[in-house]
Amino acid sequence: MYLHRGTGGAPHVGDLRSIFLNEVENLFRRIRRLSSHLIDPAQEKFQPTLPVTSFANVLEQVIILFAIGFEIETEVENRLSEQLF
């Protein structure tokens, strides 16, 4: 049923033409919107991020853990050598 006409009859040629033109306009709008979504990100300038220190922090923690482990090992060896003499 066609609500704008109030009847359930077939649409006239003028109605078909306006429907077709409306669909073509919608198609062009969709294409324009899609192209703007694809083109806009490419036009944005690259903004460098702040230096990321997470890798450096992890590396520092690993080095500290090894240093503590070596320090403990050295203390144990010193105690053993002191106890022997």
PDB file of N, CA and C in Angstrom:
ATOM      1  N   MET A   1       0.845  -1.178   0.000  1.00  0.00           N
ATOM      2  CA  MET A   1       0.000   0.000   0.000  1.00  0.00           C
ATOM      3  C   MET A   1       0.888   1.238   0.000  1.00  0.00           C
ATOM      4  N   TYR A   2       0.573   2.197  -0.788  1.00  0.00           N
ATOM      5  CA  TYR A   2       1.329   3.443  -0.878  1.00  0.00           C
ATOM      6  C   TYR A   2       0.658   4.468   0.013  1.00  0.00           C
ATOM      7  N   LEU A   3       1.334   4.795   1.103  1.00  0.00           N
ATOM      8  CA  LEU A   3       0.726   5.664   2.102  1.00  0.00           C
ATOM      9  C   LEU A   3       0.557   7.092   1.600  1.00  0.00           C
ATOM     10  N   HIS A   4       1.499   7.567   0.769  1.00  0.00           N
ATOM     11  CA  HIS A   4       1.391   8.955   0.333  1.00  0.00           C
ATOM     12  C   HIS A   4       0.222   9.146  -0.634  1.00  0.00           C
ATOM     13  N   ARG A   5      -0.245   8.094  -1.263  1.00  0.00           N
ATOM     14  CA  ARG A   5      -1.391   8.212  -2.178  1.00  0.00           C
ATOM     15  C   ARG A   5      -2.678   7.796  -1.509  1.00  0.00           C
ATOM     16  N   GLY A   6      -2.565   6.949  -0.462  1.00  0.00           N
ATOM     17  CA  GLY A   6      -3.770   6.531   0.243  1.00  0.00           C
ATOM     18  C   GLY A   6      -4.469   5.359  -0.412  1.00  0.00           C
ATOM     19  N   THR A   7      -3.899   4.790  -1.480  1.00  0.00           N
ATOM     20  CA  THR A   7      -4.527   3.648  -2.137  1.00  0.00           C
ATOM     21  C   THR A   7      -3.519   2.529  -2.273  1.00  0.00           C
ATOM     22  N   GLY A   8      -3.978   1.376  -2.618  1.00  0.00           N
ATOM     23  CA  GLY A   8      -3.103   0.234  -2.811  1.00  0.00           C
ATOM     24  C   GLY A   8      -2.810  -0.022  -4.268  1.00  0.00           C
ATOM     25  N   GLY A   9      -3.121   0.931  -5.136  1.00  0.00           N
ATOM     26  CA  GLY A   9      -2.930   0.742  -6.568  1.00  0.00           C
ATOM     27  C   GLY A   9      -1.484   0.860  -6.988  1.00  0.00           C
ATOM     28  N   ALA A  10      -1.242   0.567  -8.247  1.00  0.00           N
ATOM     29  CA  ALA A  10       0.112   0.630  -8.810  1.00  0.00           C
ATOM     30  C   ALA A  10       0.554   2.090  -8.908  1.00  0.00           C
ATOM     31  N   PRO A  11       1.843   2.332  -8.736  1.00  0.00           N
ATOM     32  CA  PRO A  11       2.339   3.713  -8.810  1.00  0.00           C
ATOM     33  C   PRO A  11       2.319   4.227 -10.246  1.00  0.00           C
ATOM     34  N   HIS A  12       2.198   5.517 -10.413  1.00  0.00           N
ATOM     35  CA  HIS A  12       2.237   6.140 -11.736  1.00  0.00           C
ATOM     36  C   HIS A  12       3.681   6.260 -12.197  1.00  0.00           C
ATOM     37  N   VAL A  13       3.846   6.591 -13.471  1.00  0.00           N
ATOM     38  CA  VAL A  13       5.173   6.745 -14.052  1.00  0.00           C
ATOM     39  C   VAL A  13       5.930   7.863 -13.333  1.00  0.00           C
ATOM     40  N   GLY A  14       5.279   8.911 -12.988  1.00  0.00           N
ATOM     41  CA  GLY A  14       5.915  10.020 -12.262  1.00  0.00           C
ATOM     42  C   GLY A  14       6.431   9.563 -10.909  1.00  0.00           C
ATOM     43  N   ASP A  15       5.668   8.687 -10.237  1.00  0.00           N
ATOM     44  CA  ASP A  15       6.110   8.166  -8.951  1.00  0.00           C
ATOM     45  C   ASP A  15       7.357   7.307  -9.116  1.00  0.00           C
ATOM     46  N   LEU A  16       7.382   6.479 -10.146  1.00  0.00           N
ATOM     47  CA  LEU A  16       8.541   5.623 -10.387  1.00  0.00           C
ATOM     48  C   LEU A  16       9.787   6.462 -10.669  1.00  0.00           C
ATOM     49  N   ARG A  17       9.611   7.545 -11.436  1.00  0.00           N
ATOM     50  CA  ARG A  17      10.736   8.412 -11.770  1.00  0.00           C
ATOM     51  C   ARG A  17      11.286   9.071 -10.498  1.00  0.00           C
ATOM     52  N   SER A  18      10.401   9.575  -9.642  1.00  0.00           N
ATOM     53  CA  SER A  18      10.862  10.221  -8.406  1.00  0.00           C
ATOM     54  C   SER A  18      11.508   9.202  -7.463  1.00  0.00           C
ATOM     55  N   ILE A  19      10.979   7.994  -7.426  1.00  0.00           N
ATOM     56  CA  ILE A  19      11.585   6.939  -6.604  1.00  0.00           C
ATOM     57  C   ILE A  19      12.979   6.614  -7.134  1.00  0.00           C
ATOM     58  N   PHE A  20      13.106   6.478  -8.455  1.00  0.00           N
ATOM     59  CA  PHE A  20      14.398   6.172  -9.062  1.00  0.00           C
ATOM     60  C   PHE A  20      15.413   7.285  -8.779  1.00  0.00           C
ATOM     61  N   LEU A  21      15.002   8.531  -8.955  1.00  0.00           N
ATOM     62  CA  LEU A  21      15.904   9.655  -8.702  1.00  0.00           C
ATOM     63  C   LEU A  21      16.326   9.711  -7.234  1.00  0.00           C
ATOM     64  N   ASN A  22      15.394   9.419  -6.343  1.00  0.00           N
ATOM     65  CA  ASN A  22      15.703   9.397  -4.920  1.00  0.00           C
ATOM     66  C   ASN A  22      16.726   8.292  -4.612  1.00  0.00           C
ATOM     67  N   GLU A  23      16.559   7.125  -5.205  1.00  0.00           N
ATOM     68  CA  GLU A  23      17.495   6.016  -4.992  1.00  0.00           C
ATOM     69  C   GLU A  23      18.878   6.345  -5.552  1.00  0.00           C
ATOM     70  N   VAL A  24      18.920   7.009  -6.712  1.00  0.00           N
ATOM     71  CA  VAL A  24      20.209   7.402  -7.295  1.00  0.00           C
ATOM     72  C   VAL A  24      20.910   8.414  -6.379  1.00  0.00           C
ATOM     73  N   GLU A  25      20.161   9.382  -5.860  1.00  0.00           N
ATOM     74  CA  GLU A  25      20.744  10.363  -4.931  1.00  0.00           C
ATOM     75  C   GLU A  25      21.288   9.674  -3.690  1.00  0.00           C
ATOM     76  N   ASN A  26      20.534   8.713  -3.162  1.00  0.00           N
ATOM     77  CA  ASN A  26      20.989   7.968  -1.987  1.00  0.00           C
ATOM     78  C   ASN A  26      22.270   7.188  -2.289  1.00  0.00           C
ATOM     79  N   LEU A  27      22.327   6.617  -3.487  1.00  0.00           N
ATOM     80  CA  LEU A  27      23.520   5.870  -3.885  1.00  0.00           C
ATOM     81  C   LEU A  27      24.738   6.786  -3.935  1.00  0.00           C
ATOM     82  N   PHE A  28      24.597   7.968  -4.521  1.00  0.00           N
ATOM     83  CA  PHE A  28      25.708   8.914  -4.584  1.00  0.00           C
ATOM     84  C   PHE A  28      26.128   9.372  -3.184  1.00  0.00           C
ATOM     85  N   ARG A  29      25.144   9.578  -2.303  1.00  0.00           N
ATOM     86  CA  ARG A  29      25.485   9.961  -0.927  1.00  0.00           C
ATOM     87  C   ARG A  29      26.283   8.865  -0.237  1.00  0.00           C
ATOM     88  N   ARG A  30      25.872   7.616  -0.425  1.00  0.00           N
ATOM     89  CA  ARG A  30      26.593   6.497   0.193  1.00  0.00           C
ATOM     90  C   ARG A  30      28.014   6.400  -0.338  1.00  0.00           C
ATOM     91  N   ILE A  31      28.164   6.575  -1.648  1.00  0.00           N
ATOM     92  CA  ILE A  31      29.503   6.508  -2.253  1.00  0.00           C
ATOM     93  C   ILE A  31      30.369   7.643  -1.722  1.00  0.00           C
ATOM     94  N   ARG A  32      29.809   8.850  -1.642  1.00  0.00           N
ATOM     95  CA  ARG A  32      30.553   9.998  -1.134  1.00  0.00           C
ATOM     96  C   ARG A  32      30.961   9.787   0.319  1.00  0.00           C
ATOM     97  N   ARG A  33      30.045   9.256   1.131  1.00  0.00           N
ATOM     98  CA  ARG A  33      30.338   9.001   2.539  1.00  0.00           C
ATOM     99  C   ARG A  33      31.423   7.946   2.682  1.00  0.00           C
ATOM    100  N   LEU A  34      31.333   6.879   1.898  1.00  0.00           N
ATOM    101  CA  LEU A  34      32.335   5.827   1.941  1.00  0.00           C
ATOM    102  C   LEU A  34      33.697   6.358   1.516  1.00  0.00           C
ATOM    103  N   SER A  35      33.736   7.135   0.441  1.00  0.00           N
ATOM    104  CA  SER A  35      35.018   7.671  -0.021  1.00  0.00           C
ATOM    105  C   SER A  35      35.606   8.641   0.994  1.00  0.00           C
ATOM    106  N   SER A  36      34.758   9.410   1.685  1.00  0.00           N
ATOM    107  CA  SER A  36      35.286  10.334   2.692  1.00  0.00           C
ATOM    108  C   SER A  36      35.876   9.571   3.867  1.00  0.00           C
ATOM    109  N   HIS A  37      35.301   8.430   4.218  1.00  0.00           N
ATOM    110  CA  HIS A  37      35.850   7.615   5.300  1.00  0.00           C
ATOM    111  C   HIS A  37      37.171   6.984   4.893  1.00  0.00           C
ATOM    112  N   LEU A  38      37.335   6.698   3.618  1.00  0.00           N
ATOM    113  CA  LEU A  38      38.573   6.083   3.157  1.00  0.00           C
ATOM    114  C   LEU A  38      39.671   7.111   2.906  1.00  0.00           C
ATOM    115  N   ILE A  39      39.302   8.291   2.455  1.00  0.00           N
ATOM    116  CA  ILE A  39      40.295   9.301   2.086  1.00  0.00           C
ATOM    117  C   ILE A  39      40.748  10.112   3.294  1.00  0.00           C
ATOM    118  N   ASP A  40      39.855  10.475   4.196  1.00  0.00           N
ATOM    119  CA  ASP A  40      40.200  11.319   5.340  1.00  0.00           C
ATOM    120  C   ASP A  40      41.342  10.754   6.188  1.00  0.00           C
ATOM    121  N   PRO A  41      41.319   9.490   6.567  1.00  0.00           N
ATOM    122  CA  PRO A  41      42.440   8.990   7.366  1.00  0.00           C
ATOM    123  C   PRO A  41      43.773   9.080   6.634  1.00  0.00           C
ATOM    124  N   ALA A  42      43.767   8.943   5.322  1.00  0.00           N
ATOM    125  CA  ALA A  42      45.011   9.020   4.570  1.00  0.00           C
ATOM    126  C   ALA A  42      45.546  10.446   4.534  1.00  0.00           C
ATOM    127  N   GLN A  43      44.677  11.441   4.672  1.00  0.00           N
ATOM    128  CA  GLN A  43      45.104  12.831   4.613  1.00  0.00           C
ATOM    129  C   GLN A  43      45.579  13.360   5.963  1.00  0.00           C
ATOM    130  N   GLU A  44      45.269  12.653   7.053  1.00  0.00           N
ATOM    131  CA  GLU A  44      45.680  13.117   8.366  1.00  0.00           C
ATOM    132  C   GLU A  44      47.196  13.021   8.488  1.00  0.00           C
ATOM    133  N   LYS A  45      47.761  14.005   9.159  1.00  0.00           N
ATOM    134  CA  LYS A  45      49.203  13.992   9.368  1.00  0.00           C
ATOM    135  C   LYS A  45      49.543  12.952  10.424  1.00  0.00           C
ATOM    136  N   PHE A  46      50.683  12.344  10.242  1.00  0.00           N
ATOM    137  CA  PHE A  46      51.159  11.364  11.207  1.00  0.00           C
ATOM    138  C   PHE A  46      51.621  12.094  12.456  1.00  0.00           C
ATOM    139  N   GLN A  47      51.058  11.737  13.583  1.00  0.00           N
ATOM    140  CA  GLN A  47      51.437  12.338  14.850  1.00  0.00           C
ATOM    141  C   GLN A  47      52.293  11.329  15.616  1.00  0.00           C
ATOM    142  N   PRO A  48      53.578  11.629  15.777  1.00  0.00           N
ATOM    143  CA  PRO A  48      54.419  10.674  16.498  1.00  0.00           C
ATOM    144  C   PRO A  48      53.986  10.567  17.954  1.00  0.00           C
ATOM    145  N   THR A  49      54.072   9.381  18.469  1.00  0.00           N
ATOM    146  CA  THR A  49      53.703   9.173  19.862  1.00  0.00           C
ATOM    147  C   THR A  49      54.875   9.518  20.761  1.00  0.00           C
ATOM    148  N   LEU A  50      54.589   9.652  22.010  1.00  0.00           N
ATOM    149  CA  LEU A  50      55.653   9.881  22.971  1.00  0.00           C
ATOM    150  C   LEU A  50      56.522   8.633  23.043  1.00  0.00           C
ATOM    151  N   PRO A  51      57.772   8.782  23.399  1.00  0.00           N
ATOM    152  CA  PRO A  51      58.628   7.603  23.494  1.00  0.00           C
ATOM    153  C   PRO A  51      58.037   6.578  24.460  1.00  0.00           C
ATOM    154  N   VAL A  52      58.006   5.368  24.021  1.00  0.00           N
ATOM    155  CA  VAL A  52      57.439   4.306  24.839  1.00  0.00           C
ATOM    156  C   VAL A  52      58.558   3.701  25.668  1.00  0.00           C
ATOM    157  N   THR A  53      58.400   3.735  26.969  1.00  0.00           N
ATOM    158  CA  THR A  53      59.456   3.254  27.852  1.00  0.00           C
ATOM    159  C   THR A  53      59.145   1.890  28.442  1.00  0.00           C
ATOM    160  N   SER A  54      58.084   1.261  28.014  1.00  0.00           N
ATOM    161  CA  SER A  54      57.710  -0.019  28.620  1.00  0.00           C
ATOM    162  C   SER A  54      58.795  -1.062  28.396  1.00  0.00           C
ATOM    163  N   PHE A  55      59.382  -1.104  27.205  1.00  0.00           N
ATOM    164  CA  PHE A  55      60.440  -2.082  26.948  1.00  0.00           C
ATOM    165  C   PHE A  55      61.654  -1.778  27.812  1.00  0.00           C
ATOM    166  N   ALA A  56      62.010  -0.505  27.929  1.00  0.00           N
ATOM    167  CA  ALA A  56      63.157  -0.129  28.743  1.00  0.00           C
ATOM    168  C   ALA A  56      62.905  -0.472  30.206  1.00  0.00           C
ATOM    169  N   ASN A  57      61.684  -0.260  30.679  1.00  0.00           N
ATOM    170  CA  ASN A  57      61.363  -0.592  32.067  1.00  0.00           C
ATOM    171  C   ASN A  57      61.467  -2.087  32.320  1.00  0.00           C
ATOM    172  N   VAL A  58      60.958  -2.882  31.405  1.00  0.00           N
ATOM    173  CA  VAL A  58      61.028  -4.336  31.552  1.00  0.00           C
ATOM    174  C   VAL A  58      62.482  -4.785  31.536  1.00  0.00           C
ATOM    175  N   LEU A  59      63.263  -4.236  30.626  1.00  0.00           N
ATOM    176  CA  LEU A  59      64.671  -4.596  30.536  1.00  0.00           C
ATOM    177  C   LEU A  59      65.407  -4.216  31.820  1.00  0.00           C
ATOM    178  N   GLU A  60      65.100  -3.047  32.359  1.00  0.00           N
ATOM    179  CA  GLU A  60      65.725  -2.609  33.603  1.00  0.00           C
ATOM    180  C   GLU A  60      65.361  -3.549  34.756  1.00  0.00           C
ATOM    181  N   GLN A  61      64.116  -3.983  34.807  1.00  0.00           N
ATOM    182  CA  GLN A  61      63.692  -4.895  35.860  1.00  0.00           C
ATOM    183  C   GLN A  61      64.422  -6.233  35.755  1.00  0.00           C
ATOM    184  N   VAL A  62      64.589  -6.721  34.533  1.00  0.00           N
ATOM    185  CA  VAL A  62      65.297  -7.989  34.339  1.00  0.00           C
ATOM    186  C   VAL A  62      66.748  -7.846  34.779  1.00  0.00           C
ATOM    187  N   ILE A  63      67.388  -6.751  34.417  1.00  0.00           N
ATOM    188  CA  ILE A  63      68.782  -6.527  34.796  1.00  0.00           C
ATOM    189  C   ILE A  63      68.910  -6.445  36.316  1.00  0.00           C
ATOM    190  N   ILE A  64      67.974  -5.760  36.966  1.00  0.00           N
ATOM    191  CA  ILE A  64      68.009  -5.651  38.423  1.00  0.00           C
ATOM    192  C   ILE A  64      67.831  -7.019  39.059  1.00  0.00           C
ATOM    193  N   LEU A  65      66.920  -7.835  38.521  1.00  0.00           N
ATOM    194  CA  LEU A  65      66.716  -9.179  39.072  1.00  0.00           C
ATOM    195  C   LEU A  65      67.990 -10.013  38.944  1.00  0.00           C
ATOM    196  N   PHE A  66      68.669  -9.931  37.788  1.00  0.00           N
ATOM    197  CA  PHE A  66      69.925 -10.659  37.628  1.00  0.00           C
ATOM    198  C   PHE A  66      70.974 -10.140  38.600  1.00  0.00           C
ATOM    199  N   ALA A  67      71.046  -8.820  38.761  1.00  0.00           N
ATOM    200  CA  ALA A  67      72.030  -8.239  39.675  1.00  0.00           C
ATOM    201  C   ALA A  67      71.781  -8.706  41.102  1.00  0.00           C
ATOM    202  N   ILE A  68      70.519  -8.723  41.519  1.00  0.00           N
ATOM    203  CA  ILE A  68      70.183  -9.195  42.869  1.00  0.00           C
ATOM    204  C   ILE A  68      70.543 -10.664  43.011  1.00  0.00           C
ATOM    205  N   GLY A  69      70.243 -11.447  41.977  1.00  0.00           N
ATOM    206  CA  GLY A  69      70.596 -12.874  42.015  1.00  0.00           C
ATOM    207  C   GLY A  69      72.090 -13.078  42.137  1.00  0.00           C
ATOM    208  N   PHE A  70      72.893 -12.325  41.399  1.00  0.00           N
ATOM    209  CA  PHE A  70      74.352 -12.442  41.480  1.00  0.00           C
ATOM    210  C   PHE A  70      74.856 -11.986  42.846  1.00  0.00           C
ATOM    211  N   GLU A  71      74.237 -10.940  43.398  1.00  0.00           N
ATOM    212  CA  GLU A  71      74.641 -10.446  44.708  1.00  0.00           C
ATOM    213  C   GLU A  71      74.379 -11.500  45.778  1.00  0.00           C
ATOM    214  N   ILE A  72      73.225 -12.141  45.715  1.00  0.00           N
ATOM    215  CA  ILE A  72      72.895 -13.198  46.676  1.00  0.00           C
ATOM    216  C   ILE A  72      73.871 -14.360  46.521  1.00  0.00           C
ATOM    217  N   GLU A  73      74.166 -14.745  45.300  1.00  0.00           N
ATOM    218  CA  GLU A  73      75.109 -15.835  45.055  1.00  0.00           C
ATOM    219  C   GLU A  73      76.499 -15.499  45.612  1.00  0.00           C
ATOM    220  N   THR A  74      76.926 -14.267  45.423  1.00  0.00           N
ATOM    221  CA  THR A  74      78.227 -13.831  45.931  1.00  0.00           C
ATOM    222  C   THR A  74      78.249 -13.867  47.460  1.00  0.00           C
ATOM    223  N   GLU A  75      77.167 -13.415  48.104  1.00  0.00           N
ATOM    224  CA  GLU A  75      77.091 -13.447  49.562  1.00  0.00           C
ATOM    225  C   GLU A  75      77.154 -14.880  50.078  1.00  0.00           C
ATOM    226  N   VAL A  76      76.460 -15.781  49.419  1.00  0.00           N
ATOM    227  CA  VAL A  76      76.477 -17.189  49.829  1.00  0.00           C
ATOM    228  C   VAL A  76      77.889 -17.754  49.682  1.00  0.00           C
ATOM    229  N   GLU A  77      78.553 -17.456  48.579  1.00  0.00           N
ATOM    230  CA  GLU A  77      79.910 -17.948  48.372  1.00  0.00           C
ATOM    231  C   GLU A  77      80.856 -17.364  49.419  1.00  0.00           C
ATOM    232  N   ASN A  78      80.685 -16.079  49.758  1.00  0.00           N
ATOM    233  CA  ASN A  78      81.535 -15.464  50.781  1.00  0.00           C
ATOM    234  C   ASN A  78      81.315 -16.114  52.141  1.00  0.00           C
ATOM    235  N   ARG A  79      80.085 -16.409  52.496  1.00  0.00           N
ATOM    236  CA  ARG A  79      79.793 -17.057  53.769  1.00  0.00           C
ATOM    237  C   ARG A  79      80.399 -18.457  53.823  1.00  0.00           C
ATOM    238  N   LEU A  80      80.267 -19.173  52.688  1.00  0.00           N
ATOM    239  CA  LEU A  80      80.834 -20.512  52.659  1.00  0.00           C
ATOM    240  C   LEU A  80      82.345 -20.488  52.811  1.00  0.00           C
ATOM    241  N   SER A  81      82.994 -19.536  52.128  1.00  0.00           N
ATOM    242  CA  SER A  81      84.445 -19.441  52.228  1.00  0.00           C
ATOM    243  C   SER A  81      84.881 -18.987  53.618  1.00  0.00           C
ATOM    244  N   GLU A  82      84.105 -18.128  54.292  1.00  0.00           N
ATOM    245  CA  GLU A  82      84.410 -17.690  55.652  1.00  0.00           C
ATOM    246  C   GLU A  82      84.250 -18.826  56.640  1.00  0.00           C
ATOM    247  N   GLN A  83      83.250 -19.681  56.430  1.00  0.00           N
ATOM    248  CA  GLN A  83      82.994 -20.787  57.336  1.00  0.00           C
ATOM    249  C   GLN A  83      84.068 -21.871  57.201  1.00  0.00           C
ATOM    250  N   LEU A  84      84.648 -21.985  55.992  1.00  0.00           N
ATOM    251  CA  LEU A  84      85.670 -22.998  55.800  1.00  0.00           C
ATOM    252  C   LEU A  84      86.986 -22.590  56.463  1.00  0.00           C
ATOM    253  N   PHE A  85      87.287 -21.346  56.559  1.00  0.00           N
ATOM    254  CA  PHE A  85      88.573 -20.908  57.123  1.00  0.00           C
ATOM    255  C   PHE A  85      88.392 -20.452  58.482  1.00  0.00           C
TER     256      PHE A  85
END
